[in-house]
Amino acid sequence: MSLDMDLEKVLAKDLGPSASSFLSRQCKSHMGKDAGSLTRADLEELAKWCYIGVKLTLGADVAENTKKGILSLM
């Protein structure tokens, strides 16, 4: 499975069907790249941006779980 698919799976735990669009938006807006071009070296920065985005809508506890899930793919 590709890294972006692994990330969608992690995000889907808390974001459901919006995981794909959320991932795409975070990558393009904050990292300037497509989700398909992410590498493991990008995961720390992505985890930071996803934490911020999830925290705004679902709270700090859910955001922390999301961040941990992303970092577990390193």
N, C-alpha and C. Protein backbone atom coordinates (compact mmCIF):
# COMPACT_ATOMS: atom_id res chain seq x y z
N MET A 1 0.85 -1.17 0.00
CA MET A 1 0.00 0.00 0.00
C MET A 1 0.90 1.24 0.00
N SER A 2 0.49 2.27 -0.73
CA SER A 2 1.26 3.50 -0.81
C SER A 2 1.11 4.32 0.47
N LEU A 3 2.04 5.23 0.67
CA LEU A 3 2.03 6.05 1.88
C LEU A 3 0.75 6.88 1.98
N ASP A 4 0.31 7.47 0.87
CA ASP A 4 -0.91 8.28 0.94
C ASP A 4 -2.13 7.43 1.30
N MET A 5 -2.17 6.20 0.85
CA MET A 5 -3.27 5.31 1.22
C MET A 5 -3.20 4.93 2.70
N ASP A 6 -1.98 4.72 3.19
CA ASP A 6 -1.80 4.45 4.63
C ASP A 6 -2.27 5.64 5.45
N LEU A 7 -1.94 6.84 4.99
CA LEU A 7 -2.35 8.05 5.70
C LEU A 7 -3.86 8.21 5.68
N GLU A 8 -4.49 7.94 4.55
CA GLU A 8 -5.95 8.03 4.49
C GLU A 8 -6.59 7.05 5.46
N LYS A 9 -6.02 5.87 5.58
CA LYS A 9 -6.54 4.87 6.51
C LYS A 9 -6.45 5.37 7.96
N VAL A 10 -5.32 5.99 8.32
CA VAL A 10 -5.15 6.55 9.66
C VAL A 10 -6.16 7.66 9.89
N LEU A 11 -6.28 8.57 8.93
CA LEU A 11 -7.19 9.70 9.08
C LEU A 11 -8.66 9.28 9.09
N ALA A 12 -8.98 8.24 8.37
CA ALA A 12 -10.37 7.78 8.29
C ALA A 12 -10.90 7.31 9.64
N LYS A 13 -10.03 6.92 10.54
CA LYS A 13 -10.47 6.49 11.87
C LYS A 13 -11.26 7.59 12.57
N ASP A 14 -10.84 8.82 12.39
CA ASP A 14 -11.50 9.94 13.05
C ASP A 14 -12.28 10.84 12.09
N LEU A 15 -11.89 10.85 10.82
CA LEU A 15 -12.52 11.77 9.87
C LEU A 15 -13.48 11.09 8.91
N GLY A 16 -13.52 9.78 8.94
CA GLY A 16 -14.44 9.05 8.07
C GLY A 16 -14.17 9.31 6.60
N PRO A 17 -15.23 9.46 5.82
CA PRO A 17 -15.07 9.61 4.37
C PRO A 17 -14.41 10.93 3.94
N SER A 18 -14.25 11.86 4.84
CA SER A 18 -13.60 13.12 4.47
C SER A 18 -12.07 13.02 4.58
N ALA A 19 -11.55 11.88 4.96
CA ALA A 19 -10.11 11.72 5.16
C ALA A 19 -9.30 12.06 3.91
N SER A 20 -9.75 11.61 2.76
CA SER A 20 -9.01 11.84 1.52
C SER A 20 -8.93 13.33 1.18
N SER A 21 -10.05 14.02 1.25
CA SER A 21 -10.04 15.45 0.93
C SER A 21 -9.28 16.25 1.98
N PHE A 22 -9.36 15.85 3.24
CA PHE A 22 -8.60 16.52 4.30
C PHE A 22 -7.11 16.37 4.04
N LEU A 23 -6.67 15.15 3.73
CA LEU A 23 -5.25 14.91 3.46
C LEU A 23 -4.78 15.73 2.28
N SER A 24 -5.55 15.73 1.23
CA SER A 24 -5.19 16.49 0.03
C SER A 24 -5.07 17.98 0.33
N ARG A 25 -6.02 18.50 1.08
CA ARG A 25 -6.02 19.93 1.43
C ARG A 25 -4.81 20.29 2.29
N GLN A 26 -4.49 19.46 3.27
CA GLN A 26 -3.35 19.74 4.14
C GLN A 26 -2.05 19.72 3.35
N CYS A 27 -1.92 18.75 2.47
CA CYS A 27 -0.69 18.64 1.67
C CYS A 27 -0.52 19.83 0.74
N LYS A 28 -1.57 20.17 0.01
CA LYS A 28 -1.47 21.25 -0.96
C LYS A 28 -1.33 22.61 -0.29
N SER A 29 -2.13 22.86 0.73
CA SER A 29 -2.13 24.17 1.37
C SER A 29 -0.89 24.45 2.20
N HIS A 30 -0.42 23.46 2.92
CA HIS A 30 0.65 23.71 3.87
C HIS A 30 2.01 23.17 3.45
N MET A 31 2.01 22.21 2.54
CA MET A 31 3.27 21.59 2.16
C MET A 31 3.61 21.78 0.69
N GLY A 32 2.65 22.27 -0.08
CA GLY A 32 2.89 22.56 -1.48
C GLY A 32 3.11 21.33 -2.35
N LYS A 33 2.49 20.21 -1.98
CA LYS A 33 2.65 19.01 -2.80
C LYS A 33 1.40 18.17 -2.76
N ASP A 34 1.31 17.24 -3.67
CA ASP A 34 0.19 16.31 -3.71
C ASP A 34 0.43 15.20 -2.70
N ALA A 35 -0.65 14.63 -2.19
CA ALA A 35 -0.54 13.54 -1.21
C ALA A 35 0.23 12.35 -1.78
N GLY A 36 0.10 12.11 -3.07
CA GLY A 36 0.78 10.99 -3.70
C GLY A 36 2.28 11.14 -3.77
N SER A 37 2.79 12.35 -3.57
CA SER A 37 4.24 12.57 -3.62
C SER A 37 4.88 12.67 -2.24
N LEU A 38 4.10 12.42 -1.20
CA LEU A 38 4.66 12.46 0.16
C LEU A 38 5.67 11.34 0.37
N THR A 39 6.66 11.64 1.18
CA THR A 39 7.63 10.63 1.60
C THR A 39 7.59 10.55 3.12
N ARG A 40 8.23 9.56 3.65
CA ARG A 40 8.27 9.41 5.11
C ARG A 40 8.94 10.62 5.76
N ALA A 41 9.83 11.28 5.05
CA ALA A 41 10.49 12.48 5.57
C ALA A 41 9.50 13.64 5.77
N ASP A 42 8.35 13.58 5.12
CA ASP A 42 7.33 14.63 5.24
C ASP A 42 6.38 14.41 6.42
N LEU A 43 6.44 13.26 7.05
CA LEU A 43 5.42 12.90 8.02
C LEU A 43 5.39 13.77 9.26
N GLU A 44 6.53 14.23 9.74
CA GLU A 44 6.52 15.10 10.93
C GLU A 44 5.79 16.41 10.64
N GLU A 45 6.10 17.02 9.50
CA GLU A 45 5.43 18.27 9.16
C GLU A 45 3.94 18.04 8.90
N LEU A 46 3.61 16.97 8.20
CA LEU A 46 2.21 16.66 7.94
C LEU A 46 1.46 16.41 9.25
N ALA A 47 2.08 15.69 10.17
CA ALA A 47 1.44 15.41 11.47
C ALA A 47 1.12 16.72 12.20
N LYS A 48 2.03 17.67 12.11
CA LYS A 48 1.81 18.97 12.75
C LYS A 48 0.59 19.67 12.15
N TRP A 49 0.50 19.72 10.83
CA TRP A 49 -0.61 20.41 10.17
C TRP A 49 -1.93 19.68 10.38
N CYS A 50 -1.89 18.36 10.35
CA CYS A 50 -3.12 17.60 10.59
C CYS A 50 -3.59 17.77 12.03
N TYR A 51 -2.65 17.82 12.96
CA TYR A 51 -3.00 18.07 14.36
C TYR A 51 -3.76 19.39 14.48
N ILE A 52 -3.23 20.42 13.87
CA ILE A 52 -3.86 21.74 13.95
C ILE A 52 -5.26 21.70 13.33
N GLY A 53 -5.39 21.11 12.16
CA GLY A 53 -6.68 21.07 11.48
C GLY A 53 -7.72 20.25 12.23
N VAL A 54 -7.32 19.11 12.74
CA VAL A 54 -8.25 18.25 13.47
C VAL A 54 -8.63 18.89 14.81
N LYS A 55 -7.68 19.52 15.46
CA LYS A 55 -7.94 20.15 16.76
C LYS A 55 -9.01 21.23 16.64
N LEU A 56 -8.98 21.97 15.55
CA LEU A 56 -9.96 23.05 15.35
C LEU A 56 -11.39 22.53 15.26
N THR A 57 -11.56 21.33 14.76
CA THR A 57 -12.92 20.83 14.55
C THR A 57 -13.33 19.72 15.53
N LEU A 58 -12.38 18.87 15.91
CA LEU A 58 -12.73 17.70 16.73
C LEU A 58 -12.10 17.69 18.11
N GLY A 59 -11.25 18.65 18.40
CA GLY A 59 -10.66 18.76 19.73
C GLY A 59 -9.27 18.17 19.84
N ALA A 60 -8.61 18.52 20.94
CA ALA A 60 -7.20 18.16 21.15
C ALA A 60 -6.99 16.66 21.31
N ASP A 61 -7.89 15.95 21.95
CA ASP A 61 -7.69 14.52 22.15
C ASP A 61 -7.70 13.76 20.83
N VAL A 62 -8.66 14.07 19.99
CA VAL A 62 -8.74 13.42 18.69
C VAL A 62 -7.53 13.82 17.84
N ALA A 63 -7.15 15.09 17.91
CA ALA A 63 -6.00 15.58 17.15
C ALA A 63 -4.71 14.87 17.58
N GLU A 64 -4.56 14.64 18.85
CA GLU A 64 -3.36 13.94 19.34
C GLU A 64 -3.33 12.50 18.82
N ASN A 65 -4.47 11.84 18.81
CA ASN A 65 -4.54 10.47 18.26
C ASN A 65 -4.20 10.46 16.78
N THR A 66 -4.69 11.45 16.05
CA THR A 66 -4.39 11.56 14.63
C THR A 66 -2.89 11.74 14.42
N LYS A 67 -2.30 12.65 15.17
CA LYS A 67 -0.87 12.91 15.07
C LYS A 67 -0.05 11.66 15.35
N LYS A 68 -0.41 10.94 16.40
CA LYS A 68 0.30 9.70 16.75
C LYS A 68 0.16 8.66 15.64
N GLY A 69 -1.02 8.57 15.06
CA GLY A 69 -1.23 7.63 13.98
C GLY A 69 -0.37 7.94 12.77
N ILE A 70 -0.26 9.21 12.44
CA ILE A 70 0.58 9.62 11.29
C ILE A 70 2.05 9.31 11.60
N LEU A 71 2.50 9.67 12.78
CA LEU A 71 3.90 9.44 13.12
C LEU A 71 4.25 7.96 13.23
N SER A 72 3.26 7.13 13.48
CA SER A 72 3.52 5.68 13.57
C SER A 72 3.91 5.10 12.21
N LEU A 73 3.68 5.84 11.13
CA LEU A 73 4.03 5.38 9.79
C LEU A 73 5.48 5.67 9.42
N MET A 74 6.21 6.33 10.30
CA MET A 74 7.61 6.66 10.01
C MET A 74 8.49 5.42 9.99
